[in-house]
Amino acid sequence: MKYFLTILLLKILLGKLYAEDLVRKVTGYSDTEKYILSDGTTISHYKNKGTWTNNRGNYGTETCKGTIVINLQGSIIDYLLFCNGKDYQGNTYTAKYHRTSDMDSGTGFYIYIDGKGPWKKRIGKRCNYAITYVDNAYFTTDKCKIEN
């Protein structure tokens, strides 16, 4: 009995400390309206619309809007992007995205800044993502550490 209680206690404690990856795949299409400055800098009003699935069986839609400034070499020099999502049960979230890599493909992170339902407990959580484009289609994979 003593060993059973010890094992049970360890399992409970380790379970609280253990975090697993929540992996999300997002695909969709983007659109931009651009100003091109005389030095080749591009100021883009960016928006996209896509769908997502995750490794926990959840799925939904997401839209993003923001402003992206890109230098002549194709590197992002200013980035302000917010995304709103909704899962299949109607729960919503908003995240602020950060990125400094090239626009065609790269990595960054986002932080949940608002949420309803199960997303509320993710407010303040940081997740990493990678994105690539083919024409105006985008493909994203992101990972977040979540507690069981």
C-alpha atoms as a PDB file:
ATOM      1  CA  MET A   1       0.000   0.000   0.000  1.00  0.00           C
ATOM      2  CA  LYS A   2       2.888   2.351   0.867  1.00  0.00           C
ATOM      3  CA  TYR A   3       4.445   1.831  -2.585  1.00  0.00           C
ATOM      4  CA  PHE A   4       1.101   2.331  -4.300  1.00  0.00           C
ATOM      5  CA  LEU A   5       0.576   5.675  -2.539  1.00  0.00           C
ATOM      6  CA  THR A   6       4.151   6.758  -3.333  1.00  0.00           C
ATOM      7  CA  ILE A   7       3.752   5.913  -7.008  1.00  0.00           C
ATOM      8  CA  LEU A   8       0.347   7.615  -7.144  1.00  0.00           C
ATOM      9  CA  LEU A   9       1.716  10.762  -5.492  1.00  0.00           C
ATOM     10  CA  LEU A  10       4.696  10.871  -7.869  1.00  0.00           C
ATOM     11  CA  LYS A  11       2.421  10.424 -10.858  1.00  0.00           C
ATOM     12  CA  ILE A  12       0.182  13.297  -9.729  1.00  0.00           C
ATOM     13  CA  LEU A  13       3.132  15.625  -9.050  1.00  0.00           C
ATOM     14  CA  LEU A  14       4.934  14.776 -12.279  1.00  0.00           C
ATOM     15  CA  GLY A  15       1.690  15.118 -14.234  1.00  0.00           C
ATOM     16  CA  LYS A  16       1.332  18.706 -13.034  1.00  0.00           C
ATOM     17  CA  LEU A  17       4.913  19.500 -13.962  1.00  0.00           C
ATOM     18  CA  TYR A  18       4.754  17.710 -17.308  1.00  0.00           C
ATOM     19  CA  ALA A  19       3.867  19.837 -20.300  1.00  0.00           C
ATOM     20  CA  GLU A  20       3.245  18.497 -23.759  1.00  0.00           C
ATOM     21  CA  ASP A  21       3.348  20.200 -27.134  1.00  0.00           C
ATOM     22  CA  LEU A  22       0.139  21.446 -28.632  1.00  0.00           C
ATOM     23  CA  VAL A  23       0.839  21.350 -32.373  1.00  0.00           C
ATOM     24  CA  ARG A  24      -1.329  23.341 -34.746  1.00  0.00           C
ATOM     25  CA  LYS A  25      -1.357  23.381 -38.560  1.00  0.00           C
ATOM     26  CA  VAL A  26      -2.799  26.473 -40.244  1.00  0.00           C
ATOM     27  CA  THR A  27      -3.331  26.961 -43.973  1.00  0.00           C
ATOM     28  CA  GLY A  28      -5.074  29.665 -45.931  1.00  0.00           C
ATOM     29  CA  TYR A  29      -4.722  32.616 -48.253  1.00  0.00           C
ATOM     30  CA  SER A  30      -3.319  36.090 -47.705  1.00  0.00           C
ATOM     31  CA  ASP A  31      -3.826  39.436 -49.371  1.00  0.00           C
ATOM     32  CA  THR A  32      -1.786  42.630 -49.202  1.00  0.00           C
ATOM     33  CA  GLU A  33      -2.154  46.236 -50.227  1.00  0.00           C
ATOM     34  CA  LYS A  34       1.276  47.837 -50.594  1.00  0.00           C
ATOM     35  CA  TYR A  35       3.032  51.176 -50.660  1.00  0.00           C
ATOM     36  CA  ILE A  36       6.527  51.047 -52.133  1.00  0.00           C
ATOM     37  CA  LEU A  37       8.856  53.807 -51.008  1.00  0.00           C
ATOM     38  CA  SER A  38      11.632  55.304 -53.160  1.00  0.00           C
ATOM     39  CA  ASP A  39      14.320  53.308 -51.293  1.00  0.00           C
ATOM     40  CA  GLY A  40      12.508  50.016 -52.039  1.00  0.00           C
ATOM     41  CA  THR A  41      10.959  49.625 -48.589  1.00  0.00           C
ATOM     42  CA  THR A  42       7.481  48.096 -48.770  1.00  0.00           C
ATOM     43  CA  ILE A  43       4.700  48.978 -46.327  1.00  0.00           C
ATOM     44  CA  SER A  44       1.984  46.344 -46.506  1.00  0.00           C
ATOM     45  CA  HIS A  45      -1.507  46.202 -45.092  1.00  0.00           C
ATOM     46  CA  TYR A  46      -1.666  42.431 -44.631  1.00  0.00           C
ATOM     47  CA  LYS A  47      -4.661  40.197 -44.032  1.00  0.00           C
ATOM     48  CA  ASN A  48      -5.260  36.489 -44.248  1.00  0.00           C
ATOM     49  CA  LYS A  49      -7.979  33.927 -43.750  1.00  0.00           C
ATOM     50  CA  GLY A  50      -7.431  30.265 -43.005  1.00  0.00           C
ATOM     51  CA  THR A  51      -8.359  27.087 -41.237  1.00  0.00           C
ATOM     52  CA  TRP A  52      -6.498  25.146 -38.558  1.00  0.00           C
ATOM     53  CA  THR A  53      -6.355  21.749 -36.879  1.00  0.00           C
ATOM     54  CA  ASN A  54      -4.381  20.602 -33.860  1.00  0.00           C
ATOM     55  CA  ASN A  55      -3.091  17.378 -32.375  1.00  0.00           C
ATOM     56  CA  ARG A  56      -5.817  17.424 -29.722  1.00  0.00           C
ATOM     57  CA  GLY A  57      -8.693  17.025 -32.197  1.00  0.00           C
ATOM     58  CA  ASN A  58      -9.710  20.686 -32.196  1.00  0.00           C
ATOM     59  CA  TYR A  59     -10.165  22.701 -35.393  1.00  0.00           C
ATOM     60  CA  GLY A  60     -11.466  26.049 -36.531  1.00  0.00           C
ATOM     61  CA  THR A  61     -10.938  29.236 -38.496  1.00  0.00           C
ATOM     62  CA  GLU A  62      -8.590  32.190 -38.132  1.00  0.00           C
ATOM     63  CA  THR A  63      -8.232  35.653 -39.650  1.00  0.00           C
ATOM     64  CA  CYS A  64      -5.282  38.007 -39.245  1.00  0.00           C
ATOM     65  CA  LYS A  65      -4.749  41.705 -39.952  1.00  0.00           C
ATOM     66  CA  GLY A  66      -1.766  43.946 -39.568  1.00  0.00           C
ATOM     67  CA  THR A  67       0.975  46.128 -40.981  1.00  0.00           C
ATOM     68  CA  ILE A  68       4.300  44.767 -42.168  1.00  0.00           C
ATOM     69  CA  VAL A  69       7.300  46.858 -43.275  1.00  0.00           C
ATOM     70  CA  ILE A  70       9.906  45.050 -45.400  1.00  0.00           C
ATOM     71  CA  ASN A  71      13.271  46.418 -46.527  1.00  0.00           C
ATOM     72  CA  LEU A  72      14.738  46.092 -50.025  1.00  0.00           C
ATOM     73  CA  GLN A  73      16.525  42.843 -49.044  1.00  0.00           C
ATOM     74  CA  GLY A  74      13.194  41.215 -48.083  1.00  0.00           C
ATOM     75  CA  SER A  75      13.704  41.286 -44.315  1.00  0.00           C
ATOM     76  CA  ILE A  76      10.940  42.404 -41.983  1.00  0.00           C
ATOM     77  CA  ILE A  77      11.846  45.628 -40.165  1.00  0.00           C
ATOM     78  CA  ASP A  78       8.469  46.345 -38.512  1.00  0.00           C
ATOM     79  CA  TYR A  79       5.640  43.938 -37.812  1.00  0.00           C
ATOM     80  CA  LEU A  80       2.280  44.433 -36.107  1.00  0.00           C
ATOM     81  CA  LEU A  81      -0.116  41.540 -36.641  1.00  0.00           C
ATOM     82  CA  PHE A  82      -3.138  40.322 -34.681  1.00  0.00           C
ATOM     83  CA  CYS A  83      -5.109  37.145 -35.332  1.00  0.00           C
ATOM     84  CA  ASN A  84      -8.609  36.182 -34.222  1.00  0.00           C
ATOM     85  CA  GLY A  85      -9.594  32.546 -34.182  1.00  0.00           C
ATOM     86  CA  LYS A  86     -12.635  30.462 -33.446  1.00  0.00           C
ATOM     87  CA  ASP A  87     -12.782  26.736 -32.743  1.00  0.00           C
ATOM     88  CA  TYR A  88     -15.558  24.390 -33.849  1.00  0.00           C
ATOM     89  CA  GLN A  89     -17.379  24.922 -30.527  1.00  0.00           C
ATOM     90  CA  GLY A  90     -17.522  28.710 -30.964  1.00  0.00           C
ATOM     91  CA  ASN A  91     -14.773  29.561 -28.445  1.00  0.00           C
ATOM     92  CA  THR A  92     -12.624  32.504 -29.581  1.00  0.00           C
ATOM     93  CA  TYR A  93      -9.095  33.796 -29.070  1.00  0.00           C
ATOM     94  CA  THR A  94      -6.898  36.710 -30.120  1.00  0.00           C
ATOM     95  CA  ALA A  95      -3.114  36.535 -30.458  1.00  0.00           C
ATOM     96  CA  LYS A  96      -0.406  39.094 -31.181  1.00  0.00           C
ATOM     97  CA  TYR A  97       2.278  37.847 -33.581  1.00  0.00           C
ATOM     98  CA  HIS A  98       5.981  38.755 -33.608  1.00  0.00           C
ATOM     99  CA  ARG A  99       8.440  38.097 -36.415  1.00  0.00           C
ATOM    100  CA  THR A 100      11.748  39.463 -37.750  1.00  0.00           C
ATOM    101  CA  SER A 101      12.712  36.925 -40.434  1.00  0.00           C
ATOM    102  CA  ASP A 102      12.265  37.156 -44.208  1.00  0.00           C
ATOM    103  CA  MET A 103       8.699  37.466 -45.427  1.00  0.00           C
ATOM    104  CA  ASP A 104       8.709  34.510 -47.866  1.00  0.00           C
ATOM    105  CA  SER A 105       9.304  32.012 -45.057  1.00  0.00           C
ATOM    106  CA  GLY A 106      10.499  32.192 -41.503  1.00  0.00           C
ATOM    107  CA  THR A 107       9.815  31.794 -37.836  1.00  0.00           C
ATOM    108  CA  GLY A 108       8.375  33.845 -35.028  1.00  0.00           C
ATOM    109  CA  PHE A 109       6.185  33.630 -31.991  1.00  0.00           C
ATOM    110  CA  TYR A 110       2.783  34.761 -30.813  1.00  0.00           C
ATOM    111  CA  ILE A 111       1.216  35.461 -27.455  1.00  0.00           C
ATOM    112  CA  TYR A 112      -2.446  34.903 -26.640  1.00  0.00           C
ATOM    113  CA  ILE A 113      -3.881  38.248 -25.476  1.00  0.00           C
ATOM    114  CA  ASP A 114      -7.561  37.294 -25.159  1.00  0.00           C
ATOM    115  CA  GLY A 115      -9.698  34.194 -25.115  1.00  0.00           C
ATOM    116  CA  LYS A 116     -13.052  32.713 -24.236  1.00  0.00           C
ATOM    117  CA  GLY A 117     -13.810  29.193 -23.068  1.00  0.00           C
ATOM    118  CA  PRO A 118     -10.700  26.999 -22.897  1.00  0.00           C
ATOM    119  CA  TRP A 119      -8.641  29.704 -24.654  1.00  0.00           C
ATOM    120  CA  LYS A 120      -8.950  31.998 -21.629  1.00  0.00           C
ATOM    121  CA  LYS A 121      -6.408  29.915 -19.694  1.00  0.00           C
ATOM    122  CA  ARG A 122      -3.881  30.453 -22.517  1.00  0.00           C
ATOM    123  CA  ILE A 123      -3.805  34.262 -22.168  1.00  0.00           C
ATOM    124  CA  GLY A 124      -0.152  35.278 -21.782  1.00  0.00           C
ATOM    125  CA  LYS A 125       1.172  31.981 -23.206  1.00  0.00           C
ATOM    126  CA  ARG A 126       3.867  32.168 -25.870  1.00  0.00           C
ATOM    127  CA  CYS A 127       3.898  29.816 -28.861  1.00  0.00           C
ATOM    128  CA  ASN A 128       6.496  29.443 -31.625  1.00  0.00           C
ATOM    129  CA  TYR A 129       5.605  29.150 -35.293  1.00  0.00           C
ATOM    130  CA  ALA A 130       7.109  28.618 -38.731  1.00  0.00           C
ATOM    131  CA  ILE A 131       5.467  29.886 -41.909  1.00  0.00           C
ATOM    132  CA  THR A 132       6.057  29.588 -45.637  1.00  0.00           C
ATOM    133  CA  TYR A 133       4.240  30.931 -48.682  1.00  0.00           C
ATOM    134  CA  VAL A 134       3.479  29.703 -52.185  1.00  0.00           C
ATOM    135  CA  ASP A 135       2.149  32.717 -54.057  1.00  0.00           C
ATOM    136  CA  ASN A 136      -0.577  34.000 -51.719  1.00  0.00           C
ATOM    137  CA  ALA A 137      -1.183  30.658 -49.964  1.00  0.00           C
ATOM    138  CA  TYR A 138       0.433  30.202 -46.552  1.00  0.00           C
ATOM    139  CA  PHE A 139       1.314  27.125 -44.512  1.00  0.00           C
ATOM    140  CA  THR A 140       2.035  27.393 -40.798  1.00  0.00           C
ATOM    141  CA  THR A 141       2.996  24.984 -38.047  1.00  0.00           C
ATOM    142  CA  ASP A 142       3.121  26.155 -34.453  1.00  0.00           C
ATOM    143  CA  LYS A 143       3.935  24.596 -31.095  1.00  0.00           C
ATOM    144  CA  CYS A 144       2.931  25.569 -27.586  1.00  0.00           C
ATOM    145  CA  LYS A 145       3.831  23.931 -24.305  1.00  0.00           C
ATOM    146  CA  ILE A 146       0.606  23.117 -22.469  1.00  0.00           C
ATOM    147  CA  GLU A 147      -0.039  21.532 -19.120  1.00  0.00           C
ATOM    148  CA  ASN A 148      -2.030  18.312 -19.098  1.00  0.00           C
END
